[in-house]
Amino acid sequence: MKKIGVIVARFQVPALHKGHVHFIAESAKRSDTLIIFLGYKVNQPDTKNPFSFEVRKEMIKQTAK
């Protein structure tokens, strides 16, 4: 049976830190497929959500290489 890993997160940080990277890498190792759901607020950016979906998506893609 295939294992599907799921991460639900916001990642509203300028760069992923070592803990984020480790969490993503370990989740990927323990699953056949890893899905990352990125939380999104419609009226972004604002003070609590300074980074857009596209910026965070690209940050995660660059880290996953």
N, C-alpha and C. Protein backbone atom coordinates (compact mmCIF):
# COMPACT_ATOMS: atom_id res chain seq x y z
N MET A 1 0.84 -1.17 0.00
CA MET A 1 0.00 0.00 0.00
C MET A 1 0.89 1.25 0.00
N LYS A 2 0.56 2.22 -0.83
CA LYS A 2 1.33 3.46 -0.89
C LYS A 2 1.04 4.32 0.32
N LYS A 3 2.09 5.02 0.78
CA LYS A 3 1.95 5.95 1.89
C LYS A 3 1.90 7.36 1.32
N ILE A 4 0.88 8.11 1.73
CA ILE A 4 0.76 9.50 1.31
C ILE A 4 1.01 10.38 2.52
N GLY A 5 2.01 11.25 2.42
CA GLY A 5 2.32 12.20 3.48
C GLY A 5 1.62 13.51 3.19
N VAL A 6 1.13 14.15 4.25
CA VAL A 6 0.43 15.42 4.10
C VAL A 6 0.97 16.41 5.12
N ILE A 7 1.33 17.59 4.66
CA ILE A 7 1.74 18.69 5.53
C ILE A 7 0.77 19.84 5.28
N VAL A 8 0.20 20.36 6.35
CA VAL A 8 -0.66 21.54 6.26
C VAL A 8 0.06 22.64 7.02
N ALA A 9 0.41 23.71 6.31
CA ALA A 9 1.22 24.76 6.93
C ALA A 9 0.99 26.10 6.26
N ARG A 10 1.48 27.16 6.89
CA ARG A 10 1.42 28.49 6.30
C ARG A 10 2.79 28.91 5.77
N PHE A 11 3.84 28.61 6.50
CA PHE A 11 5.21 28.99 6.12
C PHE A 11 5.30 30.48 5.80
N GLN A 12 4.78 31.32 6.68
CA GLN A 12 4.87 32.77 6.51
C GLN A 12 6.17 33.29 7.11
N VAL A 13 7.27 32.87 6.51
CA VAL A 13 8.62 33.26 6.94
C VAL A 13 9.42 33.64 5.70
N PRO A 14 10.42 34.52 5.86
CA PRO A 14 11.21 34.91 4.68
C PRO A 14 12.03 33.77 4.10
N ALA A 15 12.39 32.80 4.93
CA ALA A 15 13.14 31.63 4.46
C ALA A 15 12.83 30.47 5.39
N LEU A 16 12.81 29.27 4.83
CA LEU A 16 12.59 28.09 5.66
C LEU A 16 13.83 27.85 6.52
N HIS A 17 13.62 27.58 7.81
CA HIS A 17 14.77 27.29 8.67
C HIS A 17 15.04 25.79 8.68
N LYS A 18 16.09 25.38 9.37
CA LYS A 18 16.52 23.99 9.38
C LYS A 18 15.41 23.05 9.85
N GLY A 19 14.60 23.49 10.79
CA GLY A 19 13.50 22.67 11.28
C GLY A 19 12.46 22.40 10.21
N HIS A 20 12.13 23.45 9.43
CA HIS A 20 11.19 23.27 8.32
C HIS A 20 11.75 22.28 7.30
N VAL A 21 13.00 22.50 6.94
CA VAL A 21 13.63 21.66 5.92
C VAL A 21 13.69 20.21 6.39
N HIS A 22 14.05 20.00 7.64
CA HIS A 22 14.11 18.65 8.19
C HIS A 22 12.73 18.00 8.19
N PHE A 23 11.72 18.75 8.61
CA PHE A 23 10.35 18.24 8.65
C PHE A 23 9.88 17.81 7.26
N ILE A 24 10.12 18.64 6.26
CA ILE A 24 9.72 18.32 4.90
C ILE A 24 10.49 17.11 4.38
N ALA A 25 11.81 17.07 4.61
CA ALA A 25 12.64 15.96 4.14
C ALA A 25 12.23 14.64 4.80
N GLU A 26 12.02 14.65 6.10
CA GLU A 26 11.61 13.43 6.80
C GLU A 26 10.24 12.96 6.34
N SER A 27 9.33 13.89 6.13
CA SER A 27 8.00 13.53 5.65
C SER A 27 8.08 12.91 4.26
N ALA A 28 8.95 13.47 3.42
CA ALA A 28 9.13 12.93 2.07
C ALA A 28 9.74 11.53 2.12
N LYS A 29 10.70 11.31 3.02
CA LYS A 29 11.34 10.00 3.15
C LYS A 29 10.36 8.93 3.60
N ARG A 30 9.43 9.31 4.45
CA ARG A 30 8.51 8.34 5.05
C ARG A 30 7.26 8.09 4.22
N SER A 31 7.17 8.74 3.07
CA SER A 31 5.97 8.57 2.24
C SER A 31 6.37 8.37 0.78
N ASP A 32 5.46 7.76 0.04
CA ASP A 32 5.69 7.60 -1.40
C ASP A 32 5.34 8.88 -2.15
N THR A 33 4.36 9.59 -1.64
CA THR A 33 3.92 10.86 -2.21
C THR A 33 3.74 11.84 -1.07
N LEU A 34 4.27 13.05 -1.21
CA LEU A 34 4.11 14.08 -0.19
C LEU A 34 3.30 15.23 -0.77
N ILE A 35 2.25 15.61 -0.07
CA ILE A 35 1.41 16.73 -0.47
C ILE A 35 1.57 17.82 0.58
N ILE A 36 1.87 19.04 0.14
CA ILE A 36 1.97 20.17 1.06
C ILE A 36 0.82 21.12 0.74
N PHE A 37 -0.08 21.28 1.71
CA PHE A 37 -1.16 22.25 1.59
C PHE A 37 -0.69 23.54 2.22
N LEU A 38 -0.65 24.60 1.42
CA LEU A 38 -0.23 25.90 1.93
C LEU A 38 -1.45 26.74 2.25
N GLY A 39 -1.54 27.17 3.51
CA GLY A 39 -2.65 28.04 3.90
C GLY A 39 -2.59 29.34 3.12
N TYR A 40 -3.74 29.87 2.79
CA TYR A 40 -3.81 31.06 1.95
C TYR A 40 -4.94 31.97 2.42
N LYS A 41 -4.66 33.24 2.53
CA LYS A 41 -5.67 34.23 2.88
C LYS A 41 -5.94 35.07 1.63
N VAL A 42 -7.19 35.29 1.34
CA VAL A 42 -7.57 35.97 0.09
C VAL A 42 -6.95 37.36 -0.02
N ASN A 43 -6.97 38.15 1.02
CA ASN A 43 -6.49 39.53 0.94
C ASN A 43 -5.03 39.66 1.33
N GLN A 44 -4.19 38.80 0.84
CA GLN A 44 -2.77 38.88 1.11
C GLN A 44 -2.14 39.91 0.20
N PRO A 45 -1.04 40.50 0.54
CA PRO A 45 -0.35 40.42 1.83
C PRO A 45 -0.95 41.39 2.85
N ASP A 46 -0.72 41.06 4.11
CA ASP A 46 -1.03 41.96 5.21
C ASP A 46 0.01 41.72 6.29
N THR A 47 -0.12 42.36 7.43
CA THR A 47 0.93 42.25 8.45
C THR A 47 1.09 40.84 9.00
N LYS A 48 0.02 40.07 9.07
CA LYS A 48 0.12 38.70 9.57
C LYS A 48 0.49 37.71 8.46
N ASN A 49 0.28 38.08 7.24
CA ASN A 49 0.54 37.21 6.08
C ASN A 49 1.31 37.99 5.02
N PRO A 50 2.58 38.29 5.28
CA PRO A 50 3.32 39.17 4.36
C PRO A 50 3.74 38.53 3.04
N PHE A 51 3.73 37.20 2.96
CA PHE A 51 4.23 36.54 1.76
C PHE A 51 3.09 35.89 0.98
N SER A 52 3.07 36.13 -0.31
CA SER A 52 2.02 35.59 -1.16
C SER A 52 2.18 34.07 -1.31
N PHE A 53 1.13 33.45 -1.82
CA PHE A 53 1.18 32.01 -2.10
C PHE A 53 2.32 31.69 -3.05
N GLU A 54 2.46 32.47 -4.12
CA GLU A 54 3.49 32.20 -5.13
C GLU A 54 4.89 32.27 -4.55
N VAL A 55 5.16 33.26 -3.69
CA VAL A 55 6.47 33.40 -3.07
C VAL A 55 6.77 32.18 -2.20
N ARG A 56 5.80 31.76 -1.40
CA ARG A 56 6.01 30.61 -0.51
C ARG A 56 6.12 29.31 -1.28
N LYS A 57 5.34 29.18 -2.33
CA LYS A 57 5.42 27.98 -3.18
C LYS A 57 6.82 27.86 -3.79
N GLU A 58 7.33 28.95 -4.31
CA GLU A 58 8.67 28.95 -4.92
C GLU A 58 9.74 28.65 -3.87
N MET A 59 9.60 29.21 -2.66
CA MET A 59 10.55 28.95 -1.59
C MET A 59 10.60 27.45 -1.27
N ILE A 60 9.45 26.80 -1.21
CA ILE A 60 9.40 25.38 -0.92
C ILE A 60 9.99 24.57 -2.08
N LYS A 61 9.67 24.96 -3.30
CA LYS A 61 10.22 24.25 -4.47
C LYS A 61 11.74 24.35 -4.48
N GLN A 62 12.30 25.50 -4.18
CA GLN A 62 13.75 25.68 -4.16
C GLN A 62 14.41 24.83 -3.07
N THR A 63 13.73 24.70 -1.95
CA THR A 63 14.26 23.92 -0.83
C THR A 63 14.23 22.43 -1.14
N ALA A 64 13.23 22.00 -1.89
CA ALA A 64 13.02 20.58 -2.16
C ALA A 64 14.00 20.03 -3.21
N LYS A 65 14.75 20.87 -3.87
CA LYS A 65 15.67 20.40 -4.92
C LYS A 65 16.77 19.55 -4.37
